[in-house]
Amino acid sequence: MTQLDQALLGLKSHEGVEHLLLVGTDGLLIRHVGEADGVSADTVAAMVPGVVAAAGALARSVGGDQASTAVLELDDGVAIVTTLSPEMLLAILVRSGVGFTSLLRELRRERGRLAELV
């Protein structure tokens, strides 16, 4: 198992995390960690760059430079999208009703290390 796989499995071990998708900025799926349960990993991956672009536009419109993480509340869970590097994005799908503050803290702390492992 690679160090990247270990890091992704570490994030996956957070309560409620159902899917992790490592995505290129072109929307191509690089790696998916999660069960095949009706989520189309390729479709989600294709949408992630648009979410990042919209979050960046919002950040710039309020005087910021860029957004590093976006959290979207969905009907049945939460999608967390974060930029790892200029070429790599990470999407995490968390089931509804589960706290994810510790996951956000770990993402902030480990973002640089994850980018190095890709």
N, C-alpha and C. Protein backbone atom coordinates (compact mmCIF):
# COMPACT_ATOMS: atom_id res chain seq x y z
N MET A 1 0.85 -1.18 0.00
CA MET A 1 0.00 0.00 0.00
C MET A 1 0.89 1.24 0.00
N THR A 2 0.58 2.18 -0.88
CA THR A 2 1.38 3.40 -0.98
C THR A 2 1.05 4.35 0.17
N GLN A 3 1.91 5.34 0.36
CA GLN A 3 1.65 6.35 1.38
C GLN A 3 0.39 7.14 1.05
N LEU A 4 0.14 7.37 -0.24
CA LEU A 4 -1.08 8.07 -0.64
C LEU A 4 -2.31 7.25 -0.25
N ASP A 5 -2.28 5.95 -0.53
CA ASP A 5 -3.40 5.09 -0.14
C ASP A 5 -3.62 5.12 1.37
N GLN A 6 -2.55 5.09 2.13
CA GLN A 6 -2.66 5.14 3.59
C GLN A 6 -3.27 6.46 4.05
N ALA A 7 -2.84 7.57 3.43
CA ALA A 7 -3.38 8.88 3.80
C ALA A 7 -4.87 8.97 3.47
N LEU A 8 -5.26 8.46 2.30
CA LEU A 8 -6.67 8.49 1.92
C LEU A 8 -7.50 7.60 2.83
N LEU A 9 -6.98 6.44 3.17
CA LEU A 9 -7.71 5.55 4.09
C LEU A 9 -7.82 6.18 5.48
N GLY A 10 -6.82 6.96 5.87
CA GLY A 10 -6.89 7.68 7.14
C GLY A 10 -8.04 8.67 7.14
N LEU A 11 -8.22 9.39 6.03
CA LEU A 11 -9.35 10.31 5.92
C LEU A 11 -10.66 9.54 5.86
N LYS A 12 -10.65 8.42 5.16
CA LYS A 12 -11.86 7.60 5.01
C LYS A 12 -12.31 7.05 6.36
N SER A 13 -11.38 6.91 7.30
CA SER A 13 -11.71 6.32 8.60
C SER A 13 -12.52 7.27 9.49
N HIS A 14 -12.62 8.54 9.10
CA HIS A 14 -13.47 9.47 9.87
C HIS A 14 -14.91 9.00 9.79
N GLU A 15 -15.60 9.11 10.90
CA GLU A 15 -17.00 8.69 10.95
C GLU A 15 -17.81 9.39 9.85
N GLY A 16 -18.60 8.62 9.14
CA GLY A 16 -19.51 9.16 8.14
C GLY A 16 -18.93 9.36 6.76
N VAL A 17 -17.61 9.26 6.61
CA VAL A 17 -17.02 9.44 5.28
C VAL A 17 -17.34 8.22 4.43
N GLU A 18 -18.03 8.46 3.33
CA GLU A 18 -18.44 7.36 2.45
C GLU A 18 -17.60 7.26 1.19
N HIS A 19 -17.14 8.40 0.68
CA HIS A 19 -16.35 8.40 -0.56
C HIS A 19 -15.29 9.48 -0.50
N LEU A 20 -14.12 9.16 -1.04
CA LEU A 20 -13.07 10.13 -1.29
C LEU A 20 -12.73 10.02 -2.77
N LEU A 21 -12.64 11.16 -3.43
CA LEU A 21 -12.32 11.18 -4.85
C LEU A 21 -11.16 12.12 -5.08
N LEU A 22 -10.07 11.59 -5.55
CA LEU A 22 -8.92 12.39 -5.94
C LEU A 22 -9.12 12.71 -7.41
N VAL A 23 -9.14 14.01 -7.74
CA VAL A 23 -9.57 14.46 -9.06
C VAL A 23 -8.56 15.43 -9.64
N GLY A 24 -8.27 15.30 -10.92
CA GLY A 24 -7.45 16.29 -11.60
C GLY A 24 -8.28 17.53 -11.86
N THR A 25 -7.63 18.66 -12.09
CA THR A 25 -8.37 19.89 -12.35
C THR A 25 -9.12 19.84 -13.68
N ASP A 26 -8.85 18.82 -14.47
CA ASP A 26 -9.59 18.60 -15.71
C ASP A 26 -10.86 17.79 -15.49
N GLY A 27 -11.11 17.38 -14.23
CA GLY A 27 -12.31 16.61 -13.90
C GLY A 27 -12.16 15.11 -14.04
N LEU A 28 -10.97 14.64 -14.36
CA LEU A 28 -10.76 13.20 -14.48
C LEU A 28 -10.48 12.58 -13.12
N LEU A 29 -11.12 11.47 -12.86
CA LEU A 29 -10.96 10.75 -11.60
C LEU A 29 -9.59 10.07 -11.58
N ILE A 30 -8.82 10.35 -10.55
CA ILE A 30 -7.51 9.73 -10.37
C ILE A 30 -7.62 8.51 -9.46
N ARG A 31 -8.33 8.69 -8.35
CA ARG A 31 -8.49 7.59 -7.40
C ARG A 31 -9.80 7.77 -6.66
N HIS A 32 -10.46 6.65 -6.40
CA HIS A 32 -11.72 6.66 -5.65
C HIS A 32 -11.60 5.65 -4.51
N VAL A 33 -11.94 6.09 -3.32
CA VAL A 33 -11.98 5.22 -2.15
C VAL A 33 -13.43 5.26 -1.65
N GLY A 34 -14.10 4.13 -1.71
CA GLY A 34 -15.49 4.06 -1.28
C GLY A 34 -16.18 2.89 -1.95
N GLU A 35 -17.35 2.59 -1.47
CA GLU A 35 -18.13 1.48 -2.00
C GLU A 35 -18.87 1.90 -3.27
N ALA A 36 -19.10 0.94 -4.13
CA ALA A 36 -19.90 1.18 -5.33
C ALA A 36 -21.37 1.07 -4.93
N ASP A 37 -21.94 2.19 -4.48
CA ASP A 37 -23.29 2.16 -3.92
C ASP A 37 -24.24 3.11 -4.63
N GLY A 38 -24.07 3.25 -5.91
CA GLY A 38 -24.96 4.13 -6.65
C GLY A 38 -24.37 5.50 -6.93
N VAL A 39 -23.25 5.84 -6.30
CA VAL A 39 -22.58 7.10 -6.59
C VAL A 39 -21.71 6.89 -7.82
N SER A 40 -21.91 7.73 -8.83
CA SER A 40 -21.06 7.66 -10.02
C SER A 40 -19.82 8.51 -9.77
N ALA A 41 -18.73 7.84 -9.43
CA ALA A 41 -17.50 8.54 -9.10
C ALA A 41 -17.02 9.40 -10.26
N ASP A 42 -17.15 8.91 -11.49
CA ASP A 42 -16.71 9.69 -12.65
C ASP A 42 -17.55 10.95 -12.82
N THR A 43 -18.86 10.85 -12.60
CA THR A 43 -19.73 12.02 -12.72
C THR A 43 -19.42 13.04 -11.64
N VAL A 44 -19.25 12.59 -10.42
CA VAL A 44 -18.90 13.51 -9.32
C VAL A 44 -17.57 14.18 -9.62
N ALA A 45 -16.58 13.39 -10.06
CA ALA A 45 -15.26 13.94 -10.36
C ALA A 45 -15.35 15.03 -11.43
N ALA A 46 -16.18 14.81 -12.43
CA ALA A 46 -16.31 15.79 -13.51
C ALA A 46 -16.89 17.12 -13.02
N MET A 47 -17.66 17.08 -11.94
CA MET A 47 -18.29 18.29 -11.41
C MET A 47 -17.41 19.05 -10.42
N VAL A 48 -16.44 18.40 -9.85
CA VAL A 48 -15.61 19.00 -8.81
C VAL A 48 -14.89 20.28 -9.27
N PRO A 49 -14.26 20.31 -10.44
CA PRO A 49 -13.60 21.55 -10.85
C PRO A 49 -14.56 22.75 -10.95
N GLY A 50 -15.80 22.52 -11.33
CA GLY A 50 -16.78 23.60 -11.38
C GLY A 50 -17.09 24.14 -10.00
N VAL A 51 -17.17 23.25 -9.01
CA VAL A 51 -17.40 23.69 -7.63
C VAL A 51 -16.23 24.54 -7.16
N VAL A 52 -15.02 24.09 -7.46
CA VAL A 52 -13.82 24.84 -7.06
C VAL A 52 -13.79 26.21 -7.74
N ALA A 53 -14.14 26.24 -9.01
CA ALA A 53 -14.15 27.51 -9.74
C ALA A 53 -15.19 28.47 -9.16
N ALA A 54 -16.38 27.97 -8.84
CA ALA A 54 -17.42 28.82 -8.25
C ALA A 54 -17.00 29.32 -6.88
N ALA A 55 -16.38 28.46 -6.06
CA ALA A 55 -15.93 28.88 -4.74
C ALA A 55 -14.84 29.94 -4.87
N GLY A 56 -13.95 29.78 -5.84
CA GLY A 56 -12.90 30.77 -6.06
C GLY A 56 -13.48 32.11 -6.50
N ALA A 57 -14.49 32.07 -7.37
CA ALA A 57 -15.15 33.30 -7.81
C ALA A 57 -15.82 34.00 -6.64
N LEU A 58 -16.46 33.24 -5.77
CA LEU A 58 -17.08 33.81 -4.58
C LEU A 58 -16.03 34.46 -3.69
N ALA A 59 -14.91 33.76 -3.48
CA ALA A 59 -13.84 34.31 -2.63
C ALA A 59 -13.33 35.63 -3.20
N ARG A 60 -13.10 35.68 -4.50
CA ARG A 60 -12.61 36.91 -5.11
C ARG A 60 -13.64 38.04 -5.03
N SER A 61 -14.92 37.69 -5.11
CA SER A 61 -15.95 38.73 -5.07
C SER A 61 -16.10 39.37 -3.70
N VAL A 62 -15.61 38.70 -2.68
CA VAL A 62 -15.66 39.27 -1.33
C VAL A 62 -14.29 39.74 -0.87
N GLY A 63 -13.37 39.91 -1.82
CA GLY A 63 -12.07 40.49 -1.50
C GLY A 63 -10.99 39.50 -1.15
N GLY A 64 -11.25 38.22 -1.30
CA GLY A 64 -10.24 37.21 -1.02
C GLY A 64 -9.43 36.89 -2.26
N ASP A 65 -8.51 35.98 -2.11
CA ASP A 65 -7.68 35.55 -3.23
C ASP A 65 -8.28 34.32 -3.89
N GLN A 66 -8.49 33.29 -3.07
CA GLN A 66 -9.09 32.06 -3.57
C GLN A 66 -9.65 31.27 -2.41
N ALA A 67 -10.48 30.30 -2.71
CA ALA A 67 -11.05 29.41 -1.68
C ALA A 67 -10.21 28.14 -1.65
N SER A 68 -9.92 27.66 -0.47
CA SER A 68 -9.18 26.41 -0.37
C SER A 68 -10.10 25.21 -0.15
N THR A 69 -11.24 25.43 0.50
CA THR A 69 -12.18 24.34 0.78
C THR A 69 -13.60 24.87 0.67
N ALA A 70 -14.46 24.05 0.05
CA ALA A 70 -15.89 24.38 -0.03
C ALA A 70 -16.67 23.24 0.60
N VAL A 71 -17.67 23.59 1.38
CA VAL A 71 -18.53 22.60 2.03
C VAL A 71 -19.95 22.83 1.52
N LEU A 72 -20.53 21.78 0.95
CA LEU A 72 -21.88 21.88 0.38
C LEU A 72 -22.80 20.93 1.13
N GLU A 73 -23.87 21.48 1.67
CA GLU A 73 -24.87 20.63 2.32
C GLU A 73 -25.81 20.10 1.25
N LEU A 74 -25.93 18.79 1.18
CA LEU A 74 -26.79 18.12 0.23
C LEU A 74 -28.00 17.56 0.97
N ASP A 75 -28.98 17.07 0.25
CA ASP A 75 -30.17 16.49 0.89
C ASP A 75 -29.81 15.35 1.83
N ASP A 76 -28.85 14.53 1.43
CA ASP A 76 -28.55 13.34 2.24
C ASP A 76 -27.10 13.28 2.68
N GLY A 77 -26.47 14.42 2.84
CA GLY A 77 -25.10 14.42 3.31
C GLY A 77 -24.40 15.73 3.03
N VAL A 78 -23.09 15.67 3.05
CA VAL A 78 -22.25 16.84 2.85
C VAL A 78 -21.15 16.48 1.86
N ALA A 79 -20.87 17.40 0.96
CA ALA A 79 -19.74 17.26 0.04
C ALA A 79 -18.70 18.31 0.44
N ILE A 80 -17.48 17.85 0.63
CA ILE A 80 -16.36 18.73 0.95
C ILE A 80 -15.40 18.66 -0.23
N VAL A 81 -15.07 19.81 -0.77
CA VAL A 81 -14.16 19.87 -1.90
C VAL A 81 -13.00 20.76 -1.51
N THR A 82 -11.78 20.26 -1.67
CA THR A 82 -10.60 21.03 -1.30
C THR A 82 -9.55 20.96 -2.39
N THR A 83 -8.80 22.02 -2.52
CA THR A 83 -7.70 22.07 -3.48
C THR A 83 -6.44 21.57 -2.79
N LEU A 84 -5.83 20.54 -3.38
CA LEU A 84 -4.58 20.02 -2.84
C LEU A 84 -3.38 20.71 -3.47
N SER A 85 -3.48 20.97 -4.77
CA SER A 85 -2.40 21.61 -5.51
C SER A 85 -3.03 22.27 -6.74
N PRO A 86 -2.26 23.01 -7.53
CA PRO A 86 -2.84 23.61 -8.74
C PRO A 86 -3.37 22.56 -9.73
N GLU A 87 -2.96 21.31 -9.59
CA GLU A 87 -3.39 20.26 -10.52
C GLU A 87 -4.31 19.22 -9.90
N MET A 88 -4.48 19.23 -8.57
CA MET A 88 -5.17 18.14 -7.91
C MET A 88 -6.19 18.64 -6.89
N LEU A 89 -7.36 18.01 -6.93
CA LEU A 89 -8.47 18.34 -6.03
C LEU A 89 -8.90 17.09 -5.29
N LEU A 90 -9.56 17.28 -4.16
CA LEU A 90 -10.07 16.17 -3.38
C LEU A 90 -11.51 16.45 -3.00
N ALA A 91 -12.39 15.48 -3.27
CA ALA A 91 -13.79 15.59 -2.87
C ALA A 91 -14.07 14.49 -1.86
N ILE A 92 -14.79 14.84 -0.82
CA ILE A 92 -15.15 13.88 0.22
C ILE A 92 -16.65 13.95 0.42
N LEU A 93 -17.30 12.82 0.37
CA LEU A 93 -18.74 12.75 0.60
C LEU A 93 -18.99 12.15 1.97
N VAL A 94 -19.72 12.88 2.80
CA VAL A 94 -19.98 12.49 4.18
C VAL A 94 -21.49 12.30 4.34
N ARG A 95 -21.88 11.22 4.98
CA ARG A 95 -23.32 10.96 5.14
C ARG A 95 -23.94 11.98 6.10
N SER A 96 -25.21 12.16 5.95
CA SER A 96 -25.99 13.12 6.73
C SER A 96 -25.96 12.81 8.22
N GLY A 97 -26.01 13.86 9.03
CA GLY A 97 -26.13 13.69 10.47
C GLY A 97 -24.83 13.39 11.20
N VAL A 98 -23.70 13.49 10.52
CA VAL A 98 -22.42 13.18 11.14
C VAL A 98 -21.58 14.45 11.20
N GLY A 99 -21.01 14.73 12.36
CA GLY A 99 -20.13 15.88 12.50
C GLY A 99 -18.84 15.68 11.71
N PHE A 100 -18.33 16.74 11.13
CA PHE A 100 -17.13 16.59 10.30
C PHE A 100 -16.08 17.66 10.59
N THR A 101 -16.17 18.32 11.72
CA THR A 101 -15.21 19.36 12.09
C THR A 101 -13.80 18.80 12.18
N SER A 102 -13.64 17.63 12.77
CA SER A 102 -12.30 17.06 12.90
C SER A 102 -11.73 16.70 11.52
N LEU A 103 -12.58 16.31 10.60
CA LEU A 103 -12.14 16.02 9.23
C LEU A 103 -11.63 17.30 8.57
N LEU A 104 -12.35 18.41 8.74
CA LEU A 104 -11.90 19.68 8.17
C LEU A 104 -10.56 20.11 8.75
N ARG A 105 -10.39 19.92 10.06
CA ARG A 105 -9.11 20.27 10.69
C ARG A 105 -7.98 19.41 10.12
N GLU A 106 -8.23 18.11 9.96
CA GLU A 106 -7.20 17.23 9.40
C GLU A 106 -6.87 17.62 7.96
N LEU A 107 -7.88 17.95 7.19
CA LEU A 107 -7.64 18.38 5.80
C LEU A 107 -6.75 19.62 5.77
N ARG A 108 -7.05 20.58 6.60
CA ARG A 108 -6.25 21.80 6.66
C ARG A 108 -4.81 21.49 7.03
N ARG A 109 -4.65 20.62 8.00
CA ARG A 109 -3.32 20.27 8.51
C ARG A 109 -2.53 19.43 7.51
N GLU A 110 -3.20 18.52 6.80
CA GLU A 110 -2.53 17.54 5.94
C GLU A 110 -2.54 17.88 4.45
N ARG A 111 -3.15 18.99 4.07
CA ARG A 111 -3.28 19.33 2.64
C ARG A 111 -1.94 19.29 1.92
N GLY A 112 -0.93 19.92 2.47
CA GLY A 112 0.39 19.96 1.84
C GLY A 112 1.00 18.58 1.69
N ARG A 113 0.89 17.78 2.73
CA ARG A 113 1.44 16.41 2.67
C ARG A 113 0.72 15.57 1.63
N LEU A 114 -0.60 15.69 1.55
CA LEU A 114 -1.35 14.95 0.54
C LEU A 114 -0.91 15.36 -0.86
N ALA A 115 -0.70 16.64 -1.07
CA ALA A 115 -0.27 17.13 -2.38
C ALA A 115 1.09 16.54 -2.75
N GLU A 116 1.97 16.40 -1.78
CA GLU A 116 3.29 15.82 -2.05
C GLU A 116 3.21 14.35 -2.41
N LEU A 117 2.21 13.65 -1.90
CA LEU A 117 2.08 12.21 -2.13
C LEU A 117 1.49 11.88 -3.51
N VAL A 118 0.83 12.85 -4.10
CA VAL A 118 0.17 12.61 -5.40
C VAL A 118 1.19 12.53 -6.51
